[in-house]
Amino acid sequence: MQKTKRMSREIGFTLLEILVALSIISVAIVLILQLYSSNLRAVSISGDTSAAAARGDSRMREILSETSLTETSWREITEDGYGMEVSIAEVLKERTDNLPVKMMEVSLTLRWREGTKEMSLYLKTQKMVDKITPPEQISQRELKNYA
């Protein structure tokens, strides 16, 4: 009979063992939840940056689709709340002086708010465009070629 009483005391876990196991499990769960929430924030930020990059790329393509670009700059705000600063400038003037084309650089800065932070994205590209020759510099021979 004593064997049965002793065995019943040895079977199972003590209260202390259960509390230690629960505390270890709770610490592990808290760590996993913190990792999960930080990953969600990172995914949200990258999604906003990707959306801004797509918006900027779309606007850049609109600007580049114009056949002639002139030196200018402007600001605009989109319907989505993105602020855009666009500047178009001629670059490499000394290298293109003797050529019938010129290089134009298009810079676009996109700004938006992410909570309390202001985020920005900078895009830049170049496009080669034909030079517009003033009418007084066109010779009679060139005019006959166009006619």
C-alpha atoms as a PDB file:
ATOM      1  CA  MET A   1       0.000   0.000   0.000  1.00  0.00           C
ATOM      2  CA  GLN A   2       2.853   2.346   0.651  1.00  0.00           C
ATOM      3  CA  LYS A   3       4.094   1.821  -2.896  1.00  0.00           C
ATOM      4  CA  THR A   4       0.808   3.104  -4.303  1.00  0.00           C
ATOM      5  CA  LYS A   5       0.893   6.253  -2.167  1.00  0.00           C
ATOM      6  CA  ARG A   6       4.469   6.942  -3.139  1.00  0.00           C
ATOM      7  CA  MET A   7       3.788   6.404  -6.830  1.00  0.00           C
ATOM      8  CA  SER A   8       0.783   8.703  -6.785  1.00  0.00           C
ATOM      9  CA  ARG A   9       3.029  11.467  -5.416  1.00  0.00           C
ATOM     10  CA  GLU A  10       5.620  10.947  -8.183  1.00  0.00           C
ATOM     11  CA  ILE A  11       3.139  10.982 -11.085  1.00  0.00           C
ATOM     12  CA  GLY A  12       2.307  14.451 -12.542  1.00  0.00           C
ATOM     13  CA  PHE A  13       3.849  17.904 -12.235  1.00  0.00           C
ATOM     14  CA  THR A  14       4.228  20.124  -9.233  1.00  0.00           C
ATOM     15  CA  LEU A  15       2.706  23.599  -9.147  1.00  0.00           C
ATOM     16  CA  LEU A  16       6.157  25.159  -9.406  1.00  0.00           C
ATOM     17  CA  GLU A  17       6.978  23.210 -12.585  1.00  0.00           C
ATOM     18  CA  ILE A  18       3.706  24.301 -14.193  1.00  0.00           C
ATOM     19  CA  LEU A  19       4.330  27.964 -13.330  1.00  0.00           C
ATOM     20  CA  VAL A  20       7.863  27.860 -14.783  1.00  0.00           C
ATOM     21  CA  ALA A  21       6.587  26.229 -17.982  1.00  0.00           C
ATOM     22  CA  LEU A  22       3.799  28.819 -18.333  1.00  0.00           C
ATOM     23  CA  SER A  23       6.204  31.710 -17.831  1.00  0.00           C
ATOM     24  CA  ILE A  24       8.577  30.334 -20.494  1.00  0.00           C
ATOM     25  CA  ILE A  25       5.689  29.862 -22.938  1.00  0.00           C
ATOM     26  CA  SER A  26       4.339  33.373 -22.254  1.00  0.00           C
ATOM     27  CA  VAL A  27       7.763  34.963 -22.864  1.00  0.00           C
ATOM     28  CA  ALA A  28       8.053  33.068 -26.151  1.00  0.00           C
ATOM     29  CA  ILE A  29       4.568  34.167 -27.257  1.00  0.00           C
ATOM     30  CA  VAL A  30       5.302  37.824 -26.414  1.00  0.00           C
ATOM     31  CA  LEU A  31       8.532  37.712 -28.452  1.00  0.00           C
ATOM     32  CA  ILE A  32       6.748  36.183 -31.433  1.00  0.00           C
ATOM     33  CA  LEU A  33       3.990  38.825 -31.293  1.00  0.00           C
ATOM     34  CA  GLN A  34       6.555  41.637 -31.148  1.00  0.00           C
ATOM     35  CA  LEU A  35       8.342  40.260 -34.207  1.00  0.00           C
ATOM     36  CA  TYR A  36       5.038  39.943 -36.020  1.00  0.00           C
ATOM     37  CA  SER A  37       3.994  43.538 -35.262  1.00  0.00           C
ATOM     38  CA  SER A  38       7.361  44.986 -36.313  1.00  0.00           C
ATOM     39  CA  ASN A  39       7.156  43.012 -39.557  1.00  0.00           C
ATOM     40  CA  LEU A  40       3.670  44.411 -40.179  1.00  0.00           C
ATOM     41  CA  ARG A  41       5.002  47.957 -39.747  1.00  0.00           C
ATOM     42  CA  ALA A  42       7.866  47.234 -42.151  1.00  0.00           C
ATOM     43  CA  VAL A  43       5.475  45.778 -44.729  1.00  0.00           C
ATOM     44  CA  SER A  44       3.222  48.825 -44.409  1.00  0.00           C
ATOM     45  CA  ILE A  45       6.116  51.247 -44.917  1.00  0.00           C
ATOM     46  CA  SER A  46       7.458  49.315 -47.905  1.00  0.00           C
ATOM     47  CA  GLY A  47       3.960  49.212 -49.407  1.00  0.00           C
ATOM     48  CA  ASP A  48       3.678  52.999 -49.134  1.00  0.00           C
ATOM     49  CA  THR A  49       7.122  53.450 -50.666  1.00  0.00           C
ATOM     50  CA  SER A  50       6.227  51.099 -53.516  1.00  0.00           C
ATOM     51  CA  ALA A  51       2.998  53.012 -54.155  1.00  0.00           C
ATOM     52  CA  ALA A  52       4.935  56.291 -54.180  1.00  0.00           C
ATOM     53  CA  ALA A  53       7.519  54.833 -56.579  1.00  0.00           C
ATOM     54  CA  ALA A  54       4.744  53.666 -58.910  1.00  0.00           C
ATOM     55  CA  ARG A  55       3.100  57.112 -58.761  1.00  0.00           C
ATOM     56  CA  GLY A  56       6.436  58.836 -59.465  1.00  0.00           C
ATOM     57  CA  ASP A  57       7.283  56.462 -62.302  1.00  0.00           C
ATOM     58  CA  SER A  58       3.895  57.074 -63.885  1.00  0.00           C
ATOM     59  CA  ARG A  59       4.322  60.858 -63.716  1.00  0.00           C
ATOM     60  CA  MET A  60       7.882  60.597 -65.026  1.00  0.00           C
ATOM     61  CA  ARG A  61       6.649  58.598 -68.034  1.00  0.00           C
ATOM     62  CA  GLU A  62       3.993  61.249 -68.736  1.00  0.00           C
ATOM     63  CA  ILE A  63       6.651  63.959 -68.753  1.00  0.00           C
ATOM     64  CA  LEU A  64       9.011  61.928 -70.938  1.00  0.00           C
ATOM     65  CA  SER A  65       6.268  61.165 -73.474  1.00  0.00           C
ATOM     66  CA  GLU A  66       6.253  64.824 -74.517  1.00  0.00           C
ATOM     67  CA  THR A  67       8.151  65.281 -77.773  1.00  0.00           C
ATOM     68  CA  SER A  68       9.927  68.482 -76.779  1.00  0.00           C
ATOM     69  CA  LEU A  69      11.100  69.350 -73.304  1.00  0.00           C
ATOM     70  CA  THR A  70      12.042  72.853 -72.208  1.00  0.00           C
ATOM     71  CA  GLU A  71      13.909  73.966 -69.105  1.00  0.00           C
ATOM     72  CA  THR A  72      11.346  74.522 -66.378  1.00  0.00           C
ATOM     73  CA  SER A  73      10.331  73.487 -62.887  1.00  0.00           C
ATOM     74  CA  TRP A  74       7.038  73.227 -61.033  1.00  0.00           C
ATOM     75  CA  ARG A  75       5.279  71.756 -58.010  1.00  0.00           C
ATOM     76  CA  GLU A  76       2.046  69.854 -57.875  1.00  0.00           C
ATOM     77  CA  ILE A  77      -0.026  67.859 -55.417  1.00  0.00           C
ATOM     78  CA  THR A  78      -1.753  64.701 -56.605  1.00  0.00           C
ATOM     79  CA  GLU A  79      -5.228  63.539 -55.657  1.00  0.00           C
ATOM     80  CA  ASP A  80      -3.593  60.912 -53.426  1.00  0.00           C
ATOM     81  CA  GLY A  81      -1.829  63.613 -51.388  1.00  0.00           C
ATOM     82  CA  TYR A  82       1.666  63.157 -52.833  1.00  0.00           C
ATOM     83  CA  GLY A  83       3.638  66.367 -53.332  1.00  0.00           C
ATOM     84  CA  MET A  84       5.763  66.415 -56.487  1.00  0.00           C
ATOM     85  CA  GLU A  85       8.589  68.761 -57.363  1.00  0.00           C
ATOM     86  CA  VAL A  86       9.628  68.473 -60.998  1.00  0.00           C
ATOM     87  CA  SER A  87      12.527  70.175 -62.710  1.00  0.00           C
ATOM     88  CA  ILE A  88      13.719  69.859 -66.290  1.00  0.00           C
ATOM     89  CA  ALA A  89      17.166  71.169 -67.175  1.00  0.00           C
ATOM     90  CA  GLU A  90      19.536  70.864 -70.110  1.00  0.00           C
ATOM     91  CA  VAL A  91      22.714  68.954 -69.271  1.00  0.00           C
ATOM     92  CA  LEU A  92      25.953  68.271 -71.152  1.00  0.00           C
ATOM     93  CA  LYS A  93      25.619  71.492 -73.170  1.00  0.00           C
ATOM     94  CA  GLU A  94      29.293  71.572 -74.137  1.00  0.00           C
ATOM     95  CA  ARG A  95      29.105  68.035 -75.503  1.00  0.00           C
ATOM     96  CA  THR A  96      25.933  68.553 -77.537  1.00  0.00           C
ATOM     97  CA  ASP A  97      26.697  72.004 -79.015  1.00  0.00           C
ATOM     98  CA  ASN A  98      27.604  70.591 -82.440  1.00  0.00           C
ATOM     99  CA  LEU A  99      24.862  67.983 -82.458  1.00  0.00           C
ATOM    100  CA  PRO A 100      21.251  68.338 -83.632  1.00  0.00           C
ATOM    101  CA  VAL A 101      20.081  67.047 -80.246  1.00  0.00           C
ATOM    102  CA  LYS A 102      20.300  68.121 -76.627  1.00  0.00           C
ATOM    103  CA  MET A 103      20.202  66.178 -73.356  1.00  0.00           C
ATOM    104  CA  MET A 104      17.458  67.088 -70.929  1.00  0.00           C
ATOM    105  CA  GLU A 105      17.502  65.873 -67.331  1.00  0.00           C
ATOM    106  CA  VAL A 106      14.184  65.331 -65.572  1.00  0.00           C
ATOM    107  CA  SER A 107      14.270  65.274 -61.757  1.00  0.00           C
ATOM    108  CA  LEU A 108      11.214  64.387 -59.720  1.00  0.00           C
ATOM    109  CA  THR A 109      10.995  64.489 -55.924  1.00  0.00           C
ATOM    110  CA  LEU A 110       7.955  62.864 -54.355  1.00  0.00           C
ATOM    111  CA  ARG A 111       6.934  63.713 -50.778  1.00  0.00           C
ATOM    112  CA  TRP A 112       4.265  62.182 -48.548  1.00  0.00           C
ATOM    113  CA  ARG A 113       3.428  61.797 -44.877  1.00  0.00           C
ATOM    114  CA  GLU A 114       3.831  58.503 -43.065  1.00  0.00           C
ATOM    115  CA  GLY A 115       2.266  59.131 -39.661  1.00  0.00           C
ATOM    116  CA  THR A 116       4.313  61.985 -38.220  1.00  0.00           C
ATOM    117  CA  LYS A 117       7.292  61.463 -40.563  1.00  0.00           C
ATOM    118  CA  GLU A 118       7.690  63.075 -43.943  1.00  0.00           C
ATOM    119  CA  MET A 119       8.966  60.588 -46.480  1.00  0.00           C
ATOM    120  CA  SER A 120      10.522  61.420 -49.856  1.00  0.00           C
ATOM    121  CA  LEU A 121      11.643  59.637 -52.988  1.00  0.00           C
ATOM    122  CA  TYR A 122      13.958  61.115 -55.631  1.00  0.00           C
ATOM    123  CA  LEU A 123      13.842  60.011 -59.276  1.00  0.00           C
ATOM    124  CA  LYS A 124      16.062  61.308 -62.069  1.00  0.00           C
ATOM    125  CA  THR A 125      16.439  60.422 -65.736  1.00  0.00           C
ATOM    126  CA  GLN A 126      17.630  61.935 -69.010  1.00  0.00           C
ATOM    127  CA  LYS A 127      16.085  62.249 -72.434  1.00  0.00           C
ATOM    128  CA  MET A 128      17.620  63.223 -75.747  1.00  0.00           C
ATOM    129  CA  VAL A 129      15.465  65.701 -77.697  1.00  0.00           C
ATOM    130  CA  ASP A 130      15.872  67.470 -81.019  1.00  0.00           C
ATOM    131  CA  LYS A 131      17.129  71.026 -80.924  1.00  0.00           C
ATOM    132  CA  ILE A 132      14.731  73.568 -82.314  1.00  0.00           C
ATOM    133  CA  THR A 133      16.619  75.695 -84.809  1.00  0.00           C
ATOM    134  CA  PRO A 134      15.538  79.343 -84.997  1.00  0.00           C
ATOM    135  CA  PRO A 135      13.993  80.134 -88.421  1.00  0.00           C
ATOM    136  CA  GLU A 136      16.651  82.730 -89.298  1.00  0.00           C
ATOM    137  CA  GLN A 137      19.383  80.059 -89.041  1.00  0.00           C
ATOM    138  CA  ILE A 138      17.721  77.642 -91.460  1.00  0.00           C
ATOM    139  CA  SER A 139      19.296  77.878 -94.909  1.00  0.00           C
ATOM    140  CA  GLN A 140      17.287  77.903 -98.143  1.00  0.00           C
ATOM    141  CA  ARG A 141      18.666  74.476 -99.012  1.00  0.00           C
ATOM    142  CA  GLU A 142      17.376  72.966 -95.763  1.00  0.00           C
ATOM    143  CA  LEU A 143      13.965  74.552 -96.354  1.00  0.00           C
ATOM    144  CA  LYS A 144      13.773  72.852 -99.799  1.00  0.00           C
ATOM    145  CA  ASN A 145      14.613  69.503 -98.129  1.00  0.00           C
ATOM    146  CA  TYR A 146      11.669  69.869 -95.750  1.00  0.00           C
ATOM    147  CA  ALA A 147       9.248  70.903 -98.505  1.00  0.00           C
END
